[in-house]
C-alpha cells in the first residue's frame, strides 16, 4: 500500500506492508530501491513503513526543507500524528543520520530501538567521510562495494531518464547534506543522551565511512553496539542480505516493548 500524508505543504510518500511492531525504514542517497529488499523482509514479521524522502524520485520537497534536522522532525511528527510508539527506526547511510537526529529529538519516547547501517552524520577525528560528490562512477563503486566489479555500471549504458532521476536525487542530497558535508557538527556529543538500544551494522569493506568511523559512532551512544558484516561495503543489505537481516531481526525482537503495535 502506498499513501500520501500531508502536513502543511509537506507531503510524505510512504510504502507500507505487514503488521505488528512499527519499523520505520529510511533510505540513503541511492533512494528507496536500496532498502526495498530490507523492507520486504521486515514486513514478514513487523509493520514496515518506508518513506521516500522529499525530493527523491520526483517527490516534492518544500522550500523550507533544507536540512536533515527538518526531515527528522517531519518523521517524528508523522509518528506522533499516527499515534505510533514502540518504533524501531532503521536507517541506511543518509537514512541512518536521519534516524540518529530523530532519536536525539524524541522527547516522547516513541522510538525504542535504532539500527544504523553504515550511517553518515557525525564528525570523527581521523576518519573523514569520503566526498561522494567528487567521485566518478568507478570511484563510487570502488568506495561503496566489497565487489566493485560486480556493481559498477558504466553511465554510458544508463538510459537518459534514469540518469536524470539520479542527478535530481544527488542535487537534493547536496541541498540537505552538502554543507557541512554529510554531518551535523553537534550530533556526536548529543548521542550520549540517546538511551535506546542502538545497533550499528557496518560493511567491513566500506570506504565511504570506514568500520573505524562506525566504531566511534557506536561508542557515542549510551547503549550502542557495532556489528561488522564481512564481504560487504556501504550497502550490506544488498551485498550480504542474509547476514544483515539476521542482525536486524535479532535487534527487532530484543528491543520491542510489546509484541504488537497499532498502525
Protein backbone atom coordinates (compact mmCIF):
# COMPACT_ATOMS: atom_id res chain seq x y z
CA UNK A 1 0.00 0.00 0.00
CA UNK A 2 1.25 3.47 -0.88
CA UNK A 3 -0.27 6.57 0.71
CA UNK A 4 0.32 10.29 0.88
CA UNK A 5 0.06 12.20 4.15
CA UNK A 6 0.21 15.98 4.23
CA UNK A 7 1.35 18.31 6.99
CA UNK A 8 1.20 21.94 5.90
CA UNK A 9 2.88 21.88 2.48
CA UNK A 10 4.82 18.66 3.14
CA UNK A 11 3.51 15.50 1.52
CA UNK A 12 5.12 12.22 2.55
CA UNK A 13 5.06 9.34 0.11
CA UNK A 14 5.07 6.08 2.06
CA UNK A 15 5.05 2.39 1.25
CA UNK A 16 3.66 0.14 3.98
CA UNK A 17 3.36 -3.61 4.40
CA UNK A 18 2.96 -6.13 7.19
CA UNK A 19 1.55 -5.97 10.69
CA UNK A 20 2.98 -5.77 14.18
CA UNK A 21 5.60 -3.52 15.65
CA UNK A 22 6.18 -0.39 13.53
CA UNK A 23 9.54 -0.25 11.79
CA UNK A 24 10.41 3.00 10.02
CA UNK A 25 12.94 2.28 7.26
CA UNK A 26 14.91 5.27 5.95
CA UNK A 27 16.83 5.05 2.70
CA UNK A 28 20.12 6.73 1.85
CA UNK A 29 21.22 8.81 -1.10
CA UNK A 30 20.67 5.96 -3.54
CA UNK A 31 16.93 6.18 -3.00
CA UNK A 32 14.21 3.80 -1.80
CA UNK A 33 15.35 0.95 -4.04
CA UNK A 34 18.37 0.48 -1.78
CA UNK A 35 16.14 -0.60 1.13
CA UNK A 36 13.31 -2.27 -0.81
CA UNK A 37 14.56 -5.79 -0.15
CA UNK A 38 15.11 -4.99 3.51
CA UNK A 39 11.59 -3.58 3.82
CA UNK A 40 10.15 -6.68 2.19
CA UNK A 41 11.96 -8.89 4.67
CA UNK A 42 10.92 -6.84 7.71
CA UNK A 43 7.28 -6.79 6.58
CA UNK A 44 7.08 -10.54 7.15
CA UNK A 45 7.16 -10.06 10.93
CA UNK A 46 6.51 -6.35 11.52
CA UNK A 47 4.78 -3.27 10.09
CA UNK A 48 7.31 -1.83 7.64
CA UNK A 49 6.91 1.87 6.84
CA UNK A 50 9.22 3.09 4.08
CA UNK A 51 9.11 6.76 3.09
CA UNK A 52 10.60 8.33 0.00
CA UNK A 53 12.48 11.35 1.32
CA UNK A 54 11.01 14.55 -0.15
CA UNK A 55 12.96 15.46 -3.27
CA UNK A 56 13.94 11.90 -4.16
CA UNK A 57 12.48 10.10 -7.17
CA UNK A 58 10.46 13.11 -8.28
CA UNK A 59 8.68 13.74 -4.99
CA UNK A 60 8.03 17.30 -3.85
CA UNK A 61 10.44 18.99 -1.43
CA UNK A 62 9.10 22.20 0.17
CA UNK A 63 11.47 25.16 0.03
CA UNK A 64 11.80 25.24 3.82
CA UNK A 65 13.07 21.63 3.97
CA UNK A 66 16.79 22.26 3.66
CA UNK A 67 18.40 20.10 6.34
CA UNK A 68 18.49 16.61 7.79
CA UNK A 69 17.06 18.03 11.03
CA UNK A 70 13.98 19.14 9.08
CA UNK A 71 13.47 15.58 7.85
CA UNK A 72 13.99 14.17 11.34
CA UNK A 73 11.32 16.44 12.79
CA UNK A 74 8.93 15.67 9.92
CA UNK A 75 9.21 11.93 10.53
CA UNK A 76 8.77 12.35 14.29
CA UNK A 77 5.65 14.42 13.61
CA UNK A 78 4.40 11.64 11.36
CA UNK A 79 4.85 9.03 14.10
CA UNK A 80 3.07 11.27 16.61
CA UNK A 81 0.21 12.07 14.23
CA UNK A 82 -0.43 8.37 13.75
CA UNK A 83 -0.01 7.63 17.47
CA UNK A 84 2.67 5.06 16.75
CA UNK A 85 5.02 4.02 19.52
CA UNK A 86 7.49 1.24 20.28
CA UNK A 87 9.03 2.14 16.92
CA UNK A 88 12.25 0.64 15.60
CA UNK A 89 13.94 3.06 13.20
CA UNK A 90 16.28 1.53 10.62
CA UNK A 91 18.37 3.88 8.50
CA UNK A 92 20.90 3.25 5.76
CA UNK A 93 23.70 5.77 5.15
CA UNK A 94 21.96 9.18 5.00
CA UNK A 95 18.89 7.46 6.47
CA UNK A 96 20.97 6.43 9.47
CA UNK A 97 21.86 10.06 10.04
CA UNK A 98 18.16 10.96 9.94
CA UNK A 99 17.43 8.17 12.43
CA UNK A 100 20.09 9.47 14.84
CA UNK A 101 18.73 13.02 14.58
CA UNK A 102 15.23 11.68 15.29
CA UNK A 103 16.46 9.87 18.39
CA UNK A 104 18.06 12.94 19.95
CA UNK A 105 14.79 14.86 19.41
CA UNK A 106 12.39 12.11 20.53
CA UNK A 107 11.14 13.67 23.76
CA UNK A 108 8.01 11.49 23.69
CA UNK A 109 9.85 8.17 23.79
CA UNK A 110 8.25 6.89 20.59
CA UNK A 111 11.45 5.22 19.42
CA UNK A 112 12.52 2.13 21.36
CA UNK A 113 15.31 0.90 19.11
CA UNK A 114 17.66 2.05 16.37
CA UNK A 115 19.57 0.30 13.59
CA UNK A 116 22.08 2.44 11.70
CA UNK A 117 23.53 0.79 8.59
CA UNK A 118 26.83 2.39 7.50
CA UNK A 119 25.45 5.72 8.62
CA UNK A 120 26.93 9.14 7.99
CA UNK A 121 26.07 12.15 10.14
CA UNK A 122 28.88 12.68 12.64
CA UNK A 123 32.43 14.02 12.54
CA UNK A 124 35.04 11.50 13.69
CA UNK A 125 38.57 12.83 14.05
CA UNK A 126 40.93 10.96 11.72
CA UNK A 127 38.11 9.16 9.86
CA UNK A 128 36.84 11.60 7.21
CA UNK A 129 33.70 10.87 5.21
CA UNK A 130 34.64 10.32 1.57
CA UNK A 131 33.45 13.14 -0.68
CA UNK A 132 30.87 11.22 -2.66
CA UNK A 133 30.17 14.16 -4.95
CA UNK A 134 33.80 14.20 -6.13
CA UNK A 135 33.80 10.56 -7.27
CA UNK A 136 33.15 9.31 -10.78
CA UNK A 137 31.10 6.15 -11.33
CA UNK A 138 34.12 3.89 -10.94
CA UNK A 139 35.19 5.70 -7.80
CA UNK A 140 31.73 5.31 -6.31
CA UNK A 141 31.88 1.56 -6.95
CA UNK A 142 35.38 1.24 -5.50
CA UNK A 143 34.40 3.05 -2.31
CA UNK A 144 30.90 1.61 -1.88
CA UNK A 145 31.13 -2.12 -2.64
CA UNK A 146 33.16 -5.07 -1.43
CA UNK A 147 32.96 -6.37 -5.01
CA UNK A 148 33.06 -3.19 -7.14
CA UNK A 149 33.38 -5.07 -10.46
CA UNK A 150 30.01 -6.71 -9.84
CA UNK A 151 28.16 -3.47 -9.08
CA UNK A 152 29.93 -0.89 -11.24
CA UNK A 153 27.72 0.38 -14.07
CA UNK A 154 29.11 2.49 -16.89
CA UNK A 155 26.98 5.67 -17.09
CA UNK A 156 27.17 5.46 -20.88
CA UNK A 157 24.83 2.48 -20.74
CA UNK A 158 22.23 4.05 -18.44
CA UNK A 159 19.06 5.48 -20.06
CA UNK A 160 18.72 9.25 -20.05
CA UNK A 161 15.65 9.27 -17.81
CA UNK A 162 17.42 7.17 -15.18
CA UNK A 163 20.45 9.45 -15.31
CA UNK A 164 18.14 12.42 -14.81
CA UNK A 165 16.50 10.75 -11.79
CA UNK A 166 19.86 10.03 -10.21
CA UNK A 167 21.06 13.55 -10.89
CA UNK A 168 17.98 15.07 -9.27
CA UNK A 169 18.42 12.81 -6.25
CA UNK A 170 22.04 13.89 -5.88
CA UNK A 171 21.02 17.56 -6.15
CA UNK A 172 18.55 17.06 -3.30
CA UNK A 173 21.19 15.30 -1.21
CA UNK A 174 23.60 18.15 -1.81
CA UNK A 175 20.96 20.65 -0.62
CA UNK A 176 20.19 18.69 2.55
CA UNK A 177 23.64 17.38 3.44
CA UNK A 178 26.27 19.23 1.44
CA UNK A 179 27.26 21.98 3.90
CA UNK A 180 28.63 20.97 6.30
CA UNK A 181 29.37 17.87 4.28
CA UNK A 182 27.39 14.83 5.42
CA UNK A 183 27.40 15.57 9.13
CA UNK A 184 25.99 17.64 11.97
CA UNK A 185 28.90 19.08 13.96
CA UNK A 186 26.90 18.81 17.20
CA UNK A 187 25.46 15.33 16.75
CA UNK A 188 28.28 13.15 18.08
CA UNK A 189 28.28 14.76 21.53
CA UNK A 190 24.48 14.60 21.73
CA UNK A 191 24.25 10.86 21.11
CA UNK A 192 25.11 10.05 24.71
CA UNK A 193 21.61 11.25 25.63
CA UNK A 194 20.06 8.53 23.43
CA UNK A 195 19.30 5.66 25.79
CA UNK A 196 17.52 3.24 23.45
CA UNK A 197 19.47 0.14 22.30
CA UNK A 198 21.27 1.07 19.10
CA UNK A 199 22.79 -1.40 16.65
CA UNK A 200 25.27 -0.14 14.08
CA UNK A 201 25.64 -2.57 11.17
CA UNK A 202 28.75 -1.93 9.09
CA UNK A 203 30.17 -3.40 5.92
CA UNK A 204 33.75 -4.48 6.52
CA UNK A 205 34.85 -3.06 3.15
CA UNK A 206 33.05 0.28 3.33
CA UNK A 207 35.36 3.07 2.18
CA UNK A 208 32.74 5.84 2.25
CA UNK A 209 32.66 5.62 6.05
CA UNK A 210 35.04 3.03 7.47
CA UNK A 211 34.35 0.48 10.22
CA UNK A 212 36.59 2.62 12.48
CA UNK A 213 34.17 5.50 11.88
CA UNK A 214 31.33 3.13 12.76
CA UNK A 215 33.04 2.09 15.98
CA UNK A 216 33.36 5.72 17.09
CA UNK A 217 29.72 6.30 16.17
CA UNK A 218 28.63 3.29 18.25
CA UNK A 219 30.72 4.38 21.23
CA UNK A 220 28.96 7.76 21.28
CA UNK A 221 25.58 6.20 22.12
CA UNK A 222 24.67 5.32 25.69
CA UNK A 223 23.80 1.79 24.51
CA UNK A 224 25.48 1.32 21.13
CA UNK A 225 26.84 -1.88 19.59
CA UNK A 226 28.78 -2.31 16.35
CA UNK A 227 28.35 -5.42 14.20
CA UNK A 228 30.67 -5.72 11.18
CA UNK A 229 29.45 -7.69 8.16
CA UNK A 230 32.26 -9.43 6.20
CA UNK A 231 32.18 -9.32 2.42
CA UNK A 232 30.11 -6.13 2.28
CA UNK A 233 30.65 -2.45 1.67
CA UNK A 234 28.42 0.59 2.21
CA UNK A 235 25.18 -1.28 1.50
CA UNK A 236 25.43 -4.63 3.32
CA UNK A 237 21.67 -5.11 2.98
CA UNK A 238 22.31 -5.57 -0.75
CA UNK A 239 25.67 -7.36 -0.79
CA UNK A 240 25.06 -9.61 2.24
CA UNK A 241 21.29 -9.52 2.82
CA UNK A 242 21.00 -12.67 4.93
CA UNK A 243 23.73 -11.66 7.37
CA UNK A 244 22.32 -8.13 7.61
CA UNK A 245 18.70 -9.11 8.12
CA UNK A 246 19.69 -11.68 10.75
CA UNK A 247 21.29 -8.90 12.82
CA UNK A 248 18.28 -6.61 12.36
CA UNK A 249 15.77 -9.38 13.16
CA UNK A 250 17.54 -10.09 16.44
CA UNK A 251 17.57 -6.40 17.35
CA UNK A 252 13.91 -6.01 16.38
CA UNK A 253 12.84 -8.77 18.75
CA UNK A 254 15.26 -7.83 21.51
CA UNK A 255 14.23 -4.18 21.74
CA UNK A 256 10.45 -4.27 21.41
CA UNK A 257 8.44 -3.33 24.48
CA UNK A 258 5.34 -5.16 23.30
CA UNK A 259 4.51 -7.78 20.70
CA UNK A 260 2.07 -5.76 18.58
CA UNK A 261 1.58 -2.12 17.63
CA UNK A 262 -1.38 -0.17 16.37
CA UNK A 263 -0.92 1.19 12.85
